[in-house]
PDB file of N, CA and C in Angstrom:
ATOM      1  N   UNK A   1      32.168   9.891  -8.277  1.00  0.00           N
ATOM      2  CA  UNK A   1      31.328   9.007  -8.574  1.00  0.00           C
ATOM      3  C   UNK A   1      30.588   9.846  -9.564  1.00  0.00           C
ATOM      4  N   UNK A   2      30.237   8.912 -10.664  1.00  0.00           N
ATOM      5  CA  UNK A   2      29.743   9.677 -11.761  1.00  0.00           C
ATOM      6  C   UNK A   2      28.463   9.032 -11.958  1.00  0.00           C
ATOM      7  N   UNK A   3      27.557   9.850 -12.526  1.00  0.00           N
ATOM      8  CA  UNK A   3      25.961   9.564 -12.885  1.00  0.00           C
ATOM      9  C   UNK A   3      25.827   9.300 -14.519  1.00  0.00           C
ATOM     10  N   UNK A   4      25.080   8.301 -14.354  1.00  0.00           N
ATOM     11  CA  UNK A   4      24.673   8.241 -16.187  1.00  0.00           C
ATOM     12  C   UNK A   4      23.973   9.077 -16.495  1.00  0.00           C
ATOM     13  N   UNK A   5      24.378   9.518 -17.446  1.00  0.00           N
ATOM     14  CA  UNK A   5      23.979  10.646 -18.359  1.00  0.00           C
ATOM     15  C   UNK A   5      23.115  10.301 -19.361  1.00  0.00           C
ATOM     16  N   UNK A   6      23.021   8.842 -20.106  1.00  0.00           N
ATOM     17  CA  UNK A   6      22.670   8.370 -21.361  1.00  0.00           C
ATOM     18  C   UNK A   6      22.348   7.203 -21.132  1.00  0.00           C
ATOM     19  N   UNK A   7      21.535   6.708 -20.069  1.00  0.00           N
ATOM     20  CA  UNK A   7      21.127   5.601 -19.813  1.00  0.00           C
ATOM     21  C   UNK A   7      19.884   5.406 -20.360  1.00  0.00           C
ATOM     22  N   UNK A   8      19.521   4.034 -20.802  1.00  0.00           N
ATOM     23  CA  UNK A   8      18.174   3.560 -21.158  1.00  0.00           C
ATOM     24  C   UNK A   8      17.605   3.087 -19.868  1.00  0.00           C
ATOM     25  N   UNK A   9      18.449   2.700 -18.646  1.00  0.00           N
ATOM     26  CA  UNK A   9      17.825   2.406 -17.516  1.00  0.00           C
ATOM     27  C   UNK A   9      16.918   3.255 -16.420  1.00  0.00           C
ATOM     28  N   UNK A  10      16.021   2.784 -16.024  1.00  0.00           N
ATOM     29  CA  UNK A  10      14.767   3.734 -15.391  1.00  0.00           C
ATOM     30  C   UNK A  10      15.299   4.003 -13.944  1.00  0.00           C
ATOM     31  N   UNK A  11      16.049   3.356 -13.199  1.00  0.00           N
ATOM     32  CA  UNK A  11      16.358   3.642 -11.693  1.00  0.00           C
ATOM     33  C   UNK A  11      17.643   4.304 -11.582  1.00  0.00           C
ATOM     34  N   UNK A  12      18.032   5.053 -12.406  1.00  0.00           N
ATOM     35  CA  UNK A  12      19.488   5.739 -12.437  1.00  0.00           C
ATOM     36  C   UNK A  12      19.249   7.034 -11.741  1.00  0.00           C
ATOM     37  N   UNK A  13      20.348   7.842 -10.990  1.00  0.00           N
ATOM     38  CA  UNK A  13      19.834   8.990 -10.255  1.00  0.00           C
ATOM     39  C   UNK A  13      19.397  10.077 -11.282  1.00  0.00           C
ATOM     40  N   UNK A  14      19.992   9.803 -12.412  1.00  0.00           N
ATOM     41  CA  UNK A  14      19.678  11.014 -13.401  1.00  0.00           C
ATOM     42  C   UNK A  14      18.681  10.238 -14.513  1.00  0.00           C
ATOM     43  N   UNK A  15      17.389   9.974 -14.051  1.00  0.00           N
ATOM     44  CA  UNK A  15      16.539   9.052 -14.714  1.00  0.00           C
ATOM     45  C   UNK A  15      16.076  10.068 -15.918  1.00  0.00           C
ATOM     46  N   UNK A  16      16.107   9.301 -16.787  1.00  0.00           N
ATOM     47  CA  UNK A  16      15.634   9.580 -18.253  1.00  0.00           C
ATOM     48  C   UNK A  16      13.976   9.828 -18.282  1.00  0.00           C
ATOM     49  N   UNK A  17      13.204  10.813 -17.975  1.00  0.00           N
ATOM     50  CA  UNK A  17      11.959  10.848 -18.005  1.00  0.00           C
ATOM     51  C   UNK A  17      11.348  10.929 -19.794  1.00  0.00           C
ATOM     52  N   UNK A  18      10.325  10.427 -19.970  1.00  0.00           N
ATOM     53  CA  UNK A  18       9.855  10.168 -21.360  1.00  0.00           C
ATOM     54  C   UNK A  18       8.739  10.767 -21.191  1.00  0.00           C
ATOM     55  N   UNK A  19       8.647  11.884 -22.027  1.00  0.00           N
ATOM     56  CA  UNK A  19       7.243  12.675 -21.921  1.00  0.00           C
ATOM     57  C   UNK A  19       6.186  11.738 -22.360  1.00  0.00           C
ATOM     58  N   UNK A  20       4.744  11.761 -21.686  1.00  0.00           N
ATOM     59  CA  UNK A  20       3.786  11.050 -21.840  1.00  0.00           C
ATOM     60  C   UNK A  20       3.020  10.656 -23.300  1.00  0.00           C
ATOM     61  N   UNK A  21       3.319  11.782 -24.072  1.00  0.00           N
ATOM     62  CA  UNK A  21       2.862  11.680 -25.676  1.00  0.00           C
ATOM     63  C   UNK A  21       3.547  10.505 -25.888  1.00  0.00           C
ATOM     64  N   UNK A  22       5.080  10.343 -26.165  1.00  0.00           N
ATOM     65  CA  UNK A  22       5.703   9.536 -26.406  1.00  0.00           C
ATOM     66  C   UNK A  22       5.990   8.169 -25.648  1.00  0.00           C
ATOM     67  N   UNK A  23       5.621   8.036 -24.693  1.00  0.00           N
ATOM     68  CA  UNK A  23       5.528   6.918 -24.052  1.00  0.00           C
ATOM     69  C   UNK A  23       4.073   5.857 -24.204  1.00  0.00           C
ATOM     70  N   UNK A  24       3.304   6.762 -24.385  1.00  0.00           N
ATOM     71  CA  UNK A  24       1.874   5.900 -25.387  1.00  0.00           C
ATOM     72  C   UNK A  24       1.981   5.894 -26.641  1.00  0.00           C
ATOM     73  N   UNK A  25       2.872   6.192 -27.670  1.00  0.00           N
ATOM     74  CA  UNK A  25       3.025   6.215 -28.959  1.00  0.00           C
ATOM     75  C   UNK A  25       2.890   4.782 -29.428  1.00  0.00           C
ATOM     76  N   UNK A  26       2.167   4.586 -30.331  1.00  0.00           N
ATOM     77  CA  UNK A  26       2.175   2.839 -30.851  1.00  0.00           C
ATOM     78  C   UNK A  26       3.308   2.896 -32.208  1.00  0.00           C
ATOM     79  N   UNK A  27       3.685   1.838 -32.247  1.00  0.00           N
ATOM     80  CA  UNK A  27       4.862   1.766 -33.053  1.00  0.00           C
ATOM     81  C   UNK A  27       4.001   1.514 -34.515  1.00  0.00           C
ATOM     82  N   UNK A  28       3.946   2.207 -35.405  1.00  0.00           N
ATOM     83  CA  UNK A  28       3.261   1.979 -36.688  1.00  0.00           C
ATOM     84  C   UNK A  28       3.641   1.041 -37.496  1.00  0.00           C
ATOM     85  N   UNK A  29       4.341   0.644 -37.600  1.00  0.00           N
ATOM     86  CA  UNK A  29       5.199  -0.399 -38.337  1.00  0.00           C
ATOM     87  C   UNK A  29       5.026  -1.919 -37.826  1.00  0.00           C
ATOM     88  N   UNK A  30       5.042  -2.772 -38.954  1.00  0.00           N
ATOM     89  CA  UNK A  30       5.020  -4.273 -38.891  1.00  0.00           C
ATOM     90  C   UNK A  30       6.490  -4.600 -38.155  1.00  0.00           C
ATOM     91  N   UNK A  31       6.829  -5.081 -37.150  1.00  0.00           N
ATOM     92  CA  UNK A  31       8.112  -5.637 -36.890  1.00  0.00           C
ATOM     93  C   UNK A  31       8.889  -6.709 -37.510  1.00  0.00           C
ATOM     94  N   UNK A  32       7.823  -7.735 -38.496  1.00  0.00           N
ATOM     95  CA  UNK A  32       8.112  -8.670 -39.183  1.00  0.00           C
ATOM     96  C   UNK A  32       8.472  -8.095 -40.464  1.00  0.00           C
ATOM     97  N   UNK A  33       8.447  -6.868 -40.931  1.00  0.00           N
ATOM     98  CA  UNK A  33       8.684  -6.195 -42.096  1.00  0.00           C
ATOM     99  C   UNK A  33      10.011  -5.356 -42.185  1.00  0.00           C
ATOM    100  N   UNK A  34      10.592  -5.250 -43.178  1.00  0.00           N
ATOM    101  CA  UNK A  34      11.441  -4.070 -43.037  1.00  0.00           C
ATOM    102  C   UNK A  34      12.745  -4.158 -41.942  1.00  0.00           C
ATOM    103  N   UNK A  35      12.825  -5.263 -41.532  1.00  0.00           N
ATOM    104  CA  UNK A  35      13.957  -5.452 -39.852  1.00  0.00           C
ATOM    105  C   UNK A  35      15.212  -5.412 -40.650  1.00  0.00           C
ATOM    106  N   UNK A  36      15.610  -5.732 -41.949  1.00  0.00           N
ATOM    107  CA  UNK A  36      16.756  -5.233 -42.419  1.00  0.00           C
ATOM    108  C   UNK A  36      17.188  -3.696 -42.514  1.00  0.00           C
ATOM    109  N   UNK A  37      16.276  -3.106 -42.883  1.00  0.00           N
ATOM    110  CA  UNK A  37      16.296  -1.628 -42.711  1.00  0.00           C
ATOM    111  C   UNK A  37      16.824  -0.939 -41.469  1.00  0.00           C
ATOM    112  N   UNK A  38      15.896  -1.655 -40.359  1.00  0.00           N
ATOM    113  CA  UNK A  38      16.143  -1.235 -39.013  1.00  0.00           C
ATOM    114  C   UNK A  38      17.676  -1.581 -38.886  1.00  0.00           C
ATOM    115  N   UNK A  39      18.313  -2.780 -39.299  1.00  0.00           N
ATOM    116  CA  UNK A  39      19.542  -3.611 -38.753  1.00  0.00           C
ATOM    117  C   UNK A  39      20.424  -2.531 -39.582  1.00  0.00           C
ATOM    118  N   UNK A  40      19.980  -2.117 -41.020  1.00  0.00           N
ATOM    119  CA  UNK A  40      21.443  -1.291 -41.498  1.00  0.00           C
ATOM    120  C   UNK A  40      21.348   0.115 -40.933  1.00  0.00           C
ATOM    121  N   UNK A  41      20.338   0.490 -40.461  1.00  0.00           N
ATOM    122  CA  UNK A  41      20.157   1.957 -39.576  1.00  0.00           C
ATOM    123  C   UNK A  41      20.929   1.885 -38.125  1.00  0.00           C
ATOM    124  N   UNK A  42      20.850   0.593 -37.611  1.00  0.00           N
ATOM    125  CA  UNK A  42      21.842   0.533 -36.203  1.00  0.00           C
ATOM    126  C   UNK A  42      22.909   0.535 -36.828  1.00  0.00           C
ATOM    127  N   UNK A  43      23.175  -0.389 -37.379  1.00  0.00           N
ATOM    128  CA  UNK A  43      24.932  -0.456 -38.087  1.00  0.00           C
ATOM    129  C   UNK A  43      25.357   1.095 -38.336  1.00  0.00           C
ATOM    130  N   UNK A  44      24.653   1.492 -38.974  1.00  0.00           N
ATOM    131  CA  UNK A  44      25.172   2.959 -39.296  1.00  0.00           C
ATOM    132  C   UNK A  44      25.497   4.064 -38.209  1.00  0.00           C
ATOM    133  N   UNK A  45      24.264   4.109 -37.601  1.00  0.00           N
ATOM    134  CA  UNK A  45      24.100   5.235 -36.271  1.00  0.00           C
ATOM    135  C   UNK A  45      24.261   4.691 -35.162  1.00  0.00           C
ATOM    136  N   UNK A  46      24.262   3.526 -34.367  1.00  0.00           N
ATOM    137  CA  UNK A  46      24.268   3.198 -33.210  1.00  0.00           C
ATOM    138  C   UNK A  46      25.504   2.260 -32.962  1.00  0.00           C
ATOM    139  N   UNK A  47      25.700   1.130 -33.589  1.00  0.00           N
ATOM    140  CA  UNK A  47      26.887   0.350 -33.403  1.00  0.00           C
ATOM    141  C   UNK A  47      27.920   0.525 -32.852  1.00  0.00           C
ATOM    142  N   UNK A  48      28.424   1.883 -33.167  1.00  0.00           N
ATOM    143  CA  UNK A  48      29.836   2.407 -32.863  1.00  0.00           C
ATOM    144  C   UNK A  48      29.909   2.790 -31.334  1.00  0.00           C
ATOM    145  N   UNK A  49      28.623   3.067 -30.675  1.00  0.00           N
ATOM    146  CA  UNK A  49      28.869   3.170 -29.142  1.00  0.00           C
ATOM    147  C   UNK A  49      28.098   2.002 -28.623  1.00  0.00           C
ATOM    148  N   UNK A  50      26.768   1.343 -28.923  1.00  0.00           N
ATOM    149  CA  UNK A  50      26.472   0.446 -28.619  1.00  0.00           C
ATOM    150  C   UNK A  50      26.553  -1.111 -28.642  1.00  0.00           C
ATOM    151  N   UNK A  51      27.451  -1.116 -29.626  1.00  0.00           N
ATOM    152  CA  UNK A  51      27.680  -2.439 -29.764  1.00  0.00           C
ATOM    153  C   UNK A  51      26.884  -3.183 -30.817  1.00  0.00           C
ATOM    154  N   UNK A  52      27.383  -4.260 -31.583  1.00  0.00           N
ATOM    155  CA  UNK A  52      26.457  -4.832 -32.611  1.00  0.00           C
ATOM    156  C   UNK A  52      25.557  -5.892 -31.819  1.00  0.00           C
ATOM    157  N   UNK A  53      25.327  -5.982 -30.565  1.00  0.00           N
ATOM    158  CA  UNK A  53      24.518  -6.455 -29.679  1.00  0.00           C
ATOM    159  C   UNK A  53      23.973  -5.617 -28.873  1.00  0.00           C
ATOM    160  N   UNK A  54      24.051  -4.483 -28.714  1.00  0.00           N
ATOM    161  CA  UNK A  54      23.319  -3.499 -28.119  1.00  0.00           C
ATOM    162  C   UNK A  54      24.029  -3.673 -26.489  1.00  0.00           C
ATOM    163  N   UNK A  55      25.044  -3.911 -26.349  1.00  0.00           N
ATOM    164  CA  UNK A  55      25.576  -4.461 -24.820  1.00  0.00           C
ATOM    165  C   UNK A  55      26.309  -3.099 -24.284  1.00  0.00           C
ATOM    166  N   UNK A  56      26.581  -1.957 -25.241  1.00  0.00           N
ATOM    167  CA  UNK A  56      27.263  -1.064 -24.624  1.00  0.00           C
ATOM    168  C   UNK A  56      28.718  -0.973 -24.783  1.00  0.00           C
ATOM    169  N   UNK A  57      29.120  -1.834 -25.850  1.00  0.00           N
ATOM    170  CA  UNK A  57      30.369  -1.960 -25.765  1.00  0.00           C
ATOM    171  C   UNK A  57      30.985  -1.804 -27.215  1.00  0.00           C
ATOM    172  N   UNK A  58      30.506  -0.993 -27.944  1.00  0.00           N
ATOM    173  CA  UNK A  58      30.695  -0.579 -29.375  1.00  0.00           C
ATOM    174  C   UNK A  58      32.453   0.201 -29.079  1.00  0.00           C
ATOM    175  N   UNK A  59      33.185   0.524 -30.157  1.00  0.00           N
ATOM    176  CA  UNK A  59      34.234   0.847 -30.642  1.00  0.00           C
ATOM    177  C   UNK A  59      34.308   2.527 -29.840  1.00  0.00           C
ATOM    178  N   UNK A  60      33.289   3.106 -29.860  1.00  0.00           N
ATOM    179  CA  UNK A  60      33.301   4.482 -29.264  1.00  0.00           C
ATOM    180  C   UNK A  60      32.883   4.373 -28.008  1.00  0.00           C
ATOM    181  N   UNK A  61      32.332   3.388 -27.344  1.00  0.00           N
ATOM    182  CA  UNK A  61      31.941   3.433 -26.065  1.00  0.00           C
ATOM    183  C   UNK A  61      32.599   4.089 -24.938  1.00  0.00           C
ATOM    184  N   UNK A  62      33.809   3.974 -25.208  1.00  0.00           N
ATOM    185  CA  UNK A  62      34.882   4.699 -23.943  1.00  0.00           C
ATOM    186  C   UNK A  62      34.982   6.265 -24.184  1.00  0.00           C
ATOM    187  N   UNK A  63      34.273   6.640 -25.332  1.00  0.00           N
ATOM    188  CA  UNK A  63      34.164   8.301 -25.334  1.00  0.00           C
ATOM    189  C   UNK A  63      33.124   8.746 -24.794  1.00  0.00           C
ATOM    190  N   UNK A  64      32.049   8.045 -24.178  1.00  0.00           N
ATOM    191  CA  UNK A  64      31.079   8.199 -23.851  1.00  0.00           C
ATOM    192  C   UNK A  64      31.026   8.273 -22.120  1.00  0.00           C
ATOM    193  N   UNK A  65      30.523   9.448 -21.536  1.00  0.00           N
ATOM    194  CA  UNK A  65      30.738   9.265 -20.025  1.00  0.00           C
ATOM    195  C   UNK A  65      29.421   8.317 -19.215  1.00  0.00           C
ATOM    196  N   UNK A  66      28.343   8.518 -20.216  1.00  0.00           N
ATOM    197  CA  UNK A  66      27.514   7.937 -19.388  1.00  0.00           C
ATOM    198  C   UNK A  66      27.170   6.146 -19.502  1.00  0.00           C
ATOM    199  N   UNK A  67      26.043   6.028 -19.048  1.00  0.00           N
ATOM    200  CA  UNK A  67      25.663   4.536 -19.212  1.00  0.00           C
ATOM    201  C   UNK A  67      25.029   4.329 -20.623  1.00  0.00           C
ATOM    202  N   UNK A  68      25.753   3.327 -21.336  1.00  0.00           N
ATOM    203  CA  UNK A  68      25.106   2.959 -22.738  1.00  0.00           C
ATOM    204  C   UNK A  68      23.944   2.071 -22.590  1.00  0.00           C
ATOM    205  N   UNK A  69      23.610   1.646 -21.468  1.00  0.00           N
ATOM    206  CA  UNK A  69      22.415   0.630 -21.274  1.00  0.00           C
ATOM    207  C   UNK A  69      22.758  -0.688 -22.217  1.00  0.00           C
ATOM    208  N   UNK A  70      21.908  -1.837 -21.899  1.00  0.00           N
ATOM    209  CA  UNK A  70      22.122  -2.984 -22.250  1.00  0.00           C
ATOM    210  C   UNK A  70      20.741  -3.315 -22.985  1.00  0.00           C
ATOM    211  N   UNK A  71      20.957  -3.118 -24.314  1.00  0.00           N
ATOM    212  CA  UNK A  71      19.395  -3.389 -25.020  1.00  0.00           C
ATOM    213  C   UNK A  71      19.095  -4.850 -24.929  1.00  0.00           C
ATOM    214  N   UNK A  72      19.969  -5.901 -24.256  1.00  0.00           N
ATOM    215  CA  UNK A  72      19.262  -7.170 -24.263  1.00  0.00           C
ATOM    216  C   UNK A  72      18.643  -7.509 -22.829  1.00  0.00           C
ATOM    217  N   UNK A  73      18.844  -6.501 -21.947  1.00  0.00           N
ATOM    218  CA  UNK A  73      18.072  -6.529 -20.638  1.00  0.00           C
ATOM    219  C   UNK A  73      16.694  -6.666 -20.727  1.00  0.00           C
ATOM    220  N   UNK A  74      16.127  -7.498 -19.718  1.00  0.00           N
ATOM    221  CA  UNK A  74      14.808  -7.290 -19.538  1.00  0.00           C
ATOM    222  C   UNK A  74      14.147  -5.706 -19.129  1.00  0.00           C
ATOM    223  N   UNK A  75      15.214  -5.225 -18.538  1.00  0.00           N
ATOM    224  CA  UNK A  75      14.526  -3.582 -18.057  1.00  0.00           C
ATOM    225  C   UNK A  75      14.674  -2.814 -19.578  1.00  0.00           C
ATOM    226  N   UNK A  76      15.359  -2.911 -20.318  1.00  0.00           N
ATOM    227  CA  UNK A  76      15.286  -2.269 -21.457  1.00  0.00           C
ATOM    228  C   UNK A  76      14.228  -2.544 -22.120  1.00  0.00           C
ATOM    229  N   UNK A  77      13.843  -3.982 -22.375  1.00  0.00           N
ATOM    230  CA  UNK A  77      12.743  -4.438 -23.406  1.00  0.00           C
ATOM    231  C   UNK A  77      11.597  -4.178 -22.894  1.00  0.00           C
ATOM    232  N   UNK A  78      11.419  -3.791 -21.464  1.00  0.00           N
ATOM    233  CA  UNK A  78      10.291  -3.662 -20.765  1.00  0.00           C
ATOM    234  C   UNK A  78       9.630  -2.353 -21.144  1.00  0.00           C
ATOM    235  N   UNK A  79      10.568  -1.144 -21.586  1.00  0.00           N
ATOM    236  CA  UNK A  79      10.167  -0.219 -22.184  1.00  0.00           C
ATOM    237  C   UNK A  79       8.982  -0.294 -23.129  1.00  0.00           C
ATOM    238  N   UNK A  80       8.345   1.197 -23.052  1.00  0.00           N
ATOM    239  CA  UNK A  80       7.757   1.008 -24.564  1.00  0.00           C
ATOM    240  C   UNK A  80       8.233   1.189 -25.785  1.00  0.00           C
ATOM    241  N   UNK A  81       7.520   0.778 -26.914  1.00  0.00           N
ATOM    242  CA  UNK A  81       8.137   1.445 -28.216  1.00  0.00           C
ATOM    243  C   UNK A  81       8.456   2.908 -28.348  1.00  0.00           C
ATOM    244  N   UNK A  82       7.254   3.577 -27.637  1.00  0.00           N
ATOM    245  CA  UNK A  82       7.416   4.954 -27.677  1.00  0.00           C
ATOM    246  C   UNK A  82       8.430   5.393 -26.856  1.00  0.00           C
ATOM    247  N   UNK A  83       8.908   5.203 -25.871  1.00  0.00           N
ATOM    248  CA  UNK A  83      10.180   5.599 -25.000  1.00  0.00           C
ATOM    249  C   UNK A  83      11.172   5.324 -25.610  1.00  0.00           C
ATOM    250  N   UNK A  84      11.345   4.018 -26.350  1.00  0.00           N
ATOM    251  CA  UNK A  84      12.882   3.592 -26.990  1.00  0.00           C
ATOM    252  C   UNK A  84      12.773   4.440 -28.322  1.00  0.00           C
ATOM    253  N   UNK A  85      11.740   4.927 -28.907  1.00  0.00           N
ATOM    254  CA  UNK A  85      11.674   5.594 -30.044  1.00  0.00           C
ATOM    255  C   UNK A  85      12.138   7.526 -29.676  1.00  0.00           C
ATOM    256  N   UNK A  86      11.619   7.815 -28.625  1.00  0.00           N
ATOM    257  CA  UNK A  86      11.846   9.061 -28.064  1.00  0.00           C
ATOM    258  C   UNK A  86      13.428   8.785 -27.798  1.00  0.00           C
ATOM    259  N   UNK A  87      13.966   8.218 -27.008  1.00  0.00           N
ATOM    260  CA  UNK A  87      15.288   8.048 -26.601  1.00  0.00           C
ATOM    261  C   UNK A  87      16.201   7.990 -27.572  1.00  0.00           C
ATOM    262  N   UNK A  88      15.865   7.441 -28.601  1.00  0.00           N
ATOM    263  CA  UNK A  88      16.529   7.298 -29.876  1.00  0.00           C
ATOM    264  C   UNK A  88      16.709   8.230 -30.971  1.00  0.00           C
ATOM    265  N   UNK A  89      15.613   8.958 -30.888  1.00  0.00           N
ATOM    266  CA  UNK A  89      15.314   9.808 -32.029  1.00  0.00           C
ATOM    267  C   UNK A  89      15.426  11.210 -31.346  1.00  0.00           C
ATOM    268  N   UNK A  90      15.074  11.402 -30.004  1.00  0.00           N
ATOM    269  CA  UNK A  90      15.459  13.008 -29.609  1.00  0.00           C
ATOM    270  C   UNK A  90      16.761  13.153 -28.646  1.00  0.00           C
ATOM    271  N   UNK A  91      17.087  12.045 -28.241  1.00  0.00           N
ATOM    272  CA  UNK A  91      18.032  12.290 -27.412  1.00  0.00           C
ATOM    273  C   UNK A  91      18.217  13.221 -26.386  1.00  0.00           C
ATOM    274  N   UNK A  92      19.808  13.108 -25.735  1.00  0.00           N
ATOM    275  CA  UNK A  92      20.190  14.169 -24.476  1.00  0.00           C
ATOM    276  C   UNK A  92      21.480  13.914 -23.940  1.00  0.00           C
ATOM    277  N   UNK A  93      21.825  14.761 -23.586  1.00  0.00           N
ATOM    278  CA  UNK A  93      23.538  14.667 -23.121  1.00  0.00           C
ATOM    279  C   UNK A  93      24.525  14.133 -24.386  1.00  0.00           C
ATOM    280  N   UNK A  94      24.795  12.883 -23.759  1.00  0.00           N
ATOM    281  CA  UNK A  94      25.735  12.202 -24.602  1.00  0.00           C
ATOM    282  C   UNK A  94      24.955  11.412 -25.883  1.00  0.00           C
ATOM    283  N   UNK A  95      23.970  11.260 -25.754  1.00  0.00           N
ATOM    284  CA  UNK A  95      22.948  10.445 -27.090  1.00  0.00           C
ATOM    285  C   UNK A  95      22.587  11.500 -28.045  1.00  0.00           C
ATOM    286  N   UNK A  96      23.022  11.655 -28.991  1.00  0.00           N
ATOM    287  CA  UNK A  96      22.831  12.595 -30.162  1.00  0.00           C
ATOM    288  C   UNK A  96      21.210  12.611 -30.440  1.00  0.00           C
ATOM    289  N   UNK A  97      20.724  13.700 -30.879  1.00  0.00           N
ATOM    290  CA  UNK A  97      19.508  13.813 -31.453  1.00  0.00           C
ATOM    291  C   UNK A  97      19.738  13.436 -33.163  1.00  0.00           C
ATOM    292  N   UNK A  98      18.726  12.702 -33.525  1.00  0.00           N
ATOM    293  CA  UNK A  98      18.746  12.113 -34.730  1.00  0.00           C
ATOM    294  C   UNK A  98      17.368  12.724 -35.789  1.00  0.00           C
ATOM    295  N   UNK A  99      17.312  13.560 -34.962  1.00  0.00           N
ATOM    296  CA  UNK A  99      15.953  14.196 -36.120  1.00  0.00           C
ATOM    297  C   UNK A  99      16.393  14.780 -37.777  1.00  0.00           C
ATOM    298  N   UNK A 100      17.665  14.944 -37.723  1.00  0.00           N
ATOM    299  CA  UNK A 100      18.242  15.500 -39.104  1.00  0.00           C
ATOM    300  C   UNK A 100      18.799  14.475 -39.826  1.00  0.00           C
ATOM    301  N   UNK A 101      19.540  13.240 -38.917  1.00  0.00           N
ATOM    302  CA  UNK A 101      20.469  12.471 -39.497  1.00  0.00           C
ATOM    303  C   UNK A 101      19.442  11.312 -40.196  1.00  0.00           C
ATOM    304  N   UNK A 102      18.144  10.856 -39.541  1.00  0.00           N
ATOM    305  CA  UNK A 102      17.065  10.104 -39.758  1.00  0.00           C
ATOM    306  C   UNK A 102      15.917  10.867 -39.893  1.00  0.00           C
ATOM    307  N   UNK A 103      15.801  11.753 -41.223  1.00  0.00           N
ATOM    308  CA  UNK A 103      14.523  12.508 -40.797  1.00  0.00           C
ATOM    309  C   UNK A 103      13.247  11.659 -41.062  1.00  0.00           C
ATOM    310  N   UNK A 104      13.497  10.698 -41.671  1.00  0.00           N
ATOM    311  CA  UNK A 104      11.870   9.691 -41.685  1.00  0.00           C
ATOM    312  C   UNK A 104      11.551   9.059 -40.419  1.00  0.00           C
ATOM    313  N   UNK A 105      10.659   9.467 -39.787  1.00  0.00           N
ATOM    314  CA  UNK A 105      10.475   8.758 -38.616  1.00  0.00           C
ATOM    315  C   UNK A 105      10.138   7.240 -38.708  1.00  0.00           C
ATOM    316  N   UNK A 106       9.258   7.018 -39.704  1.00  0.00           N
ATOM    317  CA  UNK A 106       9.081   5.364 -39.779  1.00  0.00           C
ATOM    318  C   UNK A 106      10.711   4.702 -39.773  1.00  0.00           C
ATOM    319  N   UNK A 107      11.617   5.102 -40.325  1.00  0.00           N
ATOM    320  CA  UNK A 107      12.993   4.821 -40.095  1.00  0.00           C
ATOM    321  C   UNK A 107      13.472   4.264 -38.513  1.00  0.00           C
ATOM    322  N   UNK A 108      12.891   5.490 -37.995  1.00  0.00           N
ATOM    323  CA  UNK A 108      13.475   5.219 -36.515  1.00  0.00           C
ATOM    324  C   UNK A 108      12.723   4.009 -35.674  1.00  0.00           C
ATOM    325  N   UNK A 109      11.343   3.761 -36.343  1.00  0.00           N
ATOM    326  CA  UNK A 109      10.404   2.864 -36.055  1.00  0.00           C
ATOM    327  C   UNK A 109      11.076   1.675 -36.231  1.00  0.00           C
ATOM    328  N   UNK A 110      11.390   1.490 -37.566  1.00  0.00           N
ATOM    329  CA  UNK A 110      12.105   0.135 -38.087  1.00  0.00           C
ATOM    330  C   UNK A 110      13.526   0.163 -37.004  1.00  0.00           C
ATOM    331  N   UNK A 111      14.184   0.723 -36.779  1.00  0.00           N
ATOM    332  CA  UNK A 111      15.465   0.607 -35.711  1.00  0.00           C
ATOM    333  C   UNK A 111      14.911   0.228 -34.577  1.00  0.00           C
ATOM    334  N   UNK A 112      13.612   0.641 -33.935  1.00  0.00           N
ATOM    335  CA  UNK A 112      12.981   0.283 -32.903  1.00  0.00           C
ATOM    336  C   UNK A 112      12.861  -1.230 -32.707  1.00  0.00           C
ATOM    337  N   UNK A 113      12.200  -1.498 -33.763  1.00  0.00           N
ATOM    338  CA  UNK A 113      11.851  -3.096 -34.077  1.00  0.00           C
ATOM    339  C   UNK A 113      13.169  -4.100 -34.238  1.00  0.00           C
ATOM    340  N   UNK A 114      14.301  -3.536 -34.885  1.00  0.00           N
ATOM    341  CA  UNK A 114      15.734  -3.905 -34.657  1.00  0.00           C
ATOM    342  C   UNK A 114      16.037  -4.351 -33.260  1.00  0.00           C
ATOM    343  N   UNK A 115      15.931  -3.303 -32.428  1.00  0.00           N
ATOM    344  CA  UNK A 115      16.374  -3.106 -31.232  1.00  0.00           C
ATOM    345  C   UNK A 115      15.902  -4.017 -30.329  1.00  0.00           C
ATOM    346  N   UNK A 116      14.515  -4.480 -30.634  1.00  0.00           N
ATOM    347  CA  UNK A 116      13.855  -5.407 -29.905  1.00  0.00           C
ATOM    348  C   UNK A 116      14.407  -6.930 -30.215  1.00  0.00           C
ATOM    349  N   UNK A 117      15.064  -7.087 -31.302  1.00  0.00           N
ATOM    350  CA  UNK A 117      15.449  -8.618 -31.608  1.00  0.00           C
ATOM    351  C   UNK A 117      16.837  -8.616 -30.597  1.00  0.00           C
ATOM    352  N   UNK A 118      17.351  -7.503 -30.335  1.00  0.00           N
ATOM    353  CA  UNK A 118      18.851  -7.695 -29.394  1.00  0.00           C
ATOM    354  C   UNK A 118      18.410  -8.056 -27.812  1.00  0.00           C
ATOM    355  N   UNK A 119      17.139  -8.336 -27.694  1.00  0.00           N
ATOM    356  CA  UNK A 119      16.457  -8.841 -26.468  1.00  0.00           C
ATOM    357  C   UNK A 119      16.312 -10.627 -26.747  1.00  0.00           C
ATOM    358  N   UNK A 120      16.206 -10.779 -27.702  1.00  0.00           N
ATOM    359  CA  UNK A 120      15.964 -12.500 -27.942  1.00  0.00           C
ATOM    360  C   UNK A 120      17.030 -13.323 -27.684  1.00  0.00           C
TER     361      UNK A 120
END
C-alpha cells in the first residue's frame, strides 16, 4: 500500500498540514488581472507533473510516487488561497520548493489565480 506523499487532498493518511499563518493569508492580487502570467508560470513549472488541466496526468506524473491531486475537484478548490500558495511554493516530499525558481511571491499568487480557473 502506498501513501500519498504529495497530495493536495485533505483526507489522505499523510495529511498535508498547512501552518495557520499561510492558511489565513489573503491573496494580494486581482484574479482578473495578469492571468496570462499565472498560466505561463503553470506551463513552465507545473504542467509536466500536474497536466494541462491540473488532473495529475502530466508527462512526468509517472515519476512521482504520491498523489498529484486534481485541481478541478471541489475538494482542491475549497482550500484557501493561502493553503494553495503554501503547498505550491514551499512544497514537501515529491513537490519541490519553488522559493528559488519563482523568487517573486506575487508570481506565485498569480499562479494560484490560474489554478483556480482549472476548477471552472
